[in-house]
Amino acid sequence: MYIYEYERVSSGISGWGMISGNKYGTEEYKQIISRRATAGWRYVGFIPAVQRGTGHIEEMDLIFEREQQ
């Protein structure tokens, strides 16, 4: 059986595009995934938690799993 944990990541405005307007991005996820992997967790995906009306994701939950011991 697997157990799951979720970690929230926020994205912020990282620039501006000529056609799409504001660009959103984050680098935080890289450190989170590496830290969790070191602790024995496996990254399995993400779920958008907060989205703007334009569809841009402002916050997402990273999903991690590991076997229950």
Foldseek 3Di string as FASTA:
>chain_A
DKDKDKDKDFWDFDDADPPPGTDTDDPVVVVVQVVVVVVPKHWDAKDQDDADPVGHRGMIITMIMHDDD
